[in-house]
Amino acid sequence: VQLQASGGGLVQAGESLRLSCASSVTIFELNGIGWYRQVPGKERELVAELRISGRTNYGESAKGRFTISRAARNTAYLQMNNLRPDDTGVYYCKAEKLTGVGPQDYWGQGTLVTVSS
């Protein structure tokens, strides 16, 4: 599985961004797809994920402001509204696929989001 993340950029606090994650397989072949954020010196943390069941999970800071969705057959979006400076970080797309040896995680390259105050 190959993932291509895009949509990051520099915005001001209160503005919005939409991140895209294009997968080399259809979303429906994946157990889940999601976004994680990493800042220097910290581990990657969950921002949002979408399970094959349609269930969504959000990190605490994303609740009420971010929405993960899927569009077309192989693209997932993360709509980020009312951005804050502490949303700054590198956002990574992750997919989970069930294989013959169990669930496997695949990561895309990161896309940088910078929110200025």
Protein backbone atom coordinates (compact mmCIF):
# COMPACT_ATOMS: atom_id res chain seq x y z
CA VAL A 1 0.00 0.00 0.00
CA GLN A 2 1.37 3.40 -0.97
CA LEU A 3 -0.02 6.61 0.44
CA GLN A 4 0.37 10.12 -0.92
CA ALA A 5 -0.42 12.93 1.48
CA SER A 6 -0.96 16.51 0.40
CA GLY A 7 -2.65 19.74 1.39
CA GLY A 8 -0.42 21.09 4.13
CA GLY A 9 0.64 24.69 4.25
CA LEU A 10 0.92 27.87 6.26
CA VAL A 11 -2.29 29.40 7.56
CA GLN A 12 -3.34 31.80 10.26
CA ALA A 13 -5.20 30.81 13.39
CA GLY A 14 -8.89 30.40 12.71
CA GLU A 15 -8.45 29.40 9.08
CA SER A 16 -9.04 26.00 7.51
CA LEU A 17 -7.10 23.42 5.56
CA ARG A 18 -8.03 20.15 3.90
CA LEU A 19 -5.50 17.36 3.79
CA SER A 20 -5.78 14.57 1.25
CA CYS A 21 -4.45 11.04 1.41
CA ALA A 22 -4.47 9.09 -1.83
CA SER A 23 -4.07 5.35 -1.47
CA SER A 24 -2.76 2.90 -4.05
CA VAL A 25 -5.58 0.54 -3.06
CA THR A 26 -9.22 1.33 -2.59
CA ILE A 27 -10.28 2.57 0.81
CA PHE A 28 -12.59 -0.41 1.08
CA GLU A 29 -9.61 -2.79 1.04
CA LEU A 30 -8.28 -1.17 4.19
CA ASN A 31 -9.30 -1.82 7.78
CA GLY A 32 -8.80 1.83 8.45
CA ILE A 33 -7.15 5.03 7.32
CA GLY A 34 -6.18 7.97 9.43
CA TRP A 35 -4.03 10.97 10.22
CA TYR A 36 -1.38 11.36 12.86
CA ARG A 37 0.51 14.49 13.86
CA GLN A 38 4.09 14.71 15.00
CA VAL A 39 5.97 17.62 16.50
CA PRO A 40 9.68 17.67 17.34
CA GLY A 41 10.51 15.72 20.45
CA LYS A 42 7.15 14.00 20.69
CA GLU A 43 5.65 10.79 19.40
CA ARG A 44 3.09 10.75 16.66
CA GLU A 45 -0.39 11.17 18.01
CA LEU A 46 -3.73 10.29 16.57
CA VAL A 47 -5.63 13.12 14.95
CA ALA A 48 -8.43 11.18 13.29
CA GLU A 49 -9.12 7.77 11.84
CA LEU A 50 -11.86 6.20 9.76
CA ARG A 51 -12.54 2.50 10.13
CA ILE A 52 -13.97 0.28 7.43
CA SER A 53 -17.16 0.08 9.49
CA GLY A 54 -17.58 3.80 9.02
CA ARG A 55 -16.73 4.53 12.64
CA THR A 56 -14.51 7.53 13.24
CA ASN A 57 -12.14 8.23 16.11
CA TYR A 58 -10.66 11.62 16.91
CA GLY A 59 -7.90 12.82 19.13
CA GLU A 60 -9.04 15.17 21.87
CA SER A 61 -7.72 18.30 20.22
CA ALA A 62 -9.43 17.43 16.93
CA LYS A 63 -12.90 16.81 18.28
CA GLY A 64 -15.42 19.34 17.06
CA ARG A 65 -13.01 20.99 14.63
CA PHE A 66 -11.70 18.28 12.30
CA THR A 67 -13.61 15.83 10.13
CA ILE A 68 -12.24 12.77 8.39
CA SER A 69 -14.07 11.43 5.38
CA ARG A 70 -13.55 9.35 2.29
CA ALA A 71 -14.21 10.35 -1.26
CA ALA A 72 -13.91 8.45 -4.49
CA ARG A 73 -12.45 4.97 -4.15
CA ASN A 74 -9.01 5.70 -2.85
CA THR A 75 -8.90 9.10 -1.16
CA ALA A 76 -9.43 10.15 2.41
CA TYR A 77 -9.73 13.75 3.50
CA LEU A 78 -9.10 15.55 6.75
CA GLN A 79 -10.99 18.80 6.92
CA MET A 80 -9.45 21.01 9.58
CA ASN A 81 -11.39 24.06 10.69
CA ASN A 82 -10.65 26.76 13.22
CA LEU A 83 -6.99 25.88 13.23
CA ARG A 84 -4.87 26.81 16.23
CA PRO A 85 -1.12 27.27 16.60
CA ASP A 86 -0.90 24.03 18.57
CA ASP A 87 -2.19 22.17 15.51
CA THR A 88 1.18 22.85 13.93
CA GLY A 89 3.12 19.74 13.01
CA VAL A 90 3.83 17.18 10.35
CA TYR A 91 0.72 15.23 9.47
CA TYR A 92 1.13 11.63 8.38
CA CYS A 93 -1.43 9.47 6.69
CA LYS A 94 -1.60 5.89 7.93
CA ALA A 95 -3.47 2.92 6.53
CA GLU A 96 -4.12 -0.43 8.15
CA LYS A 97 -4.60 -3.46 5.95
CA LEU A 98 -5.33 -6.99 6.95
CA THR A 99 -2.77 -9.35 5.43
CA GLY A 100 -2.00 -13.03 5.70
CA VAL A 101 0.19 -12.34 8.72
CA GLY A 102 -2.23 -9.99 10.42
CA PRO A 103 -2.92 -6.27 10.29
CA GLN A 104 -0.13 -4.21 8.78
CA ASP A 105 0.37 -0.46 9.02
CA TYR A 106 1.50 1.64 6.09
CA TRP A 107 2.63 5.24 6.34
CA GLY A 108 2.73 8.00 3.78
CA GLN A 109 5.18 10.85 3.73
CA GLY A 110 4.25 13.73 5.98
CA THR A 111 2.76 17.03 5.01
CA LEU A 112 3.64 20.07 7.08
CA VAL A 113 0.92 22.20 8.63
CA THR A 114 1.96 25.48 10.19
CA VAL A 115 -0.56 27.65 11.99
CA SER A 116 0.55 31.13 12.91
CA SER A 117 -1.04 33.16 15.68
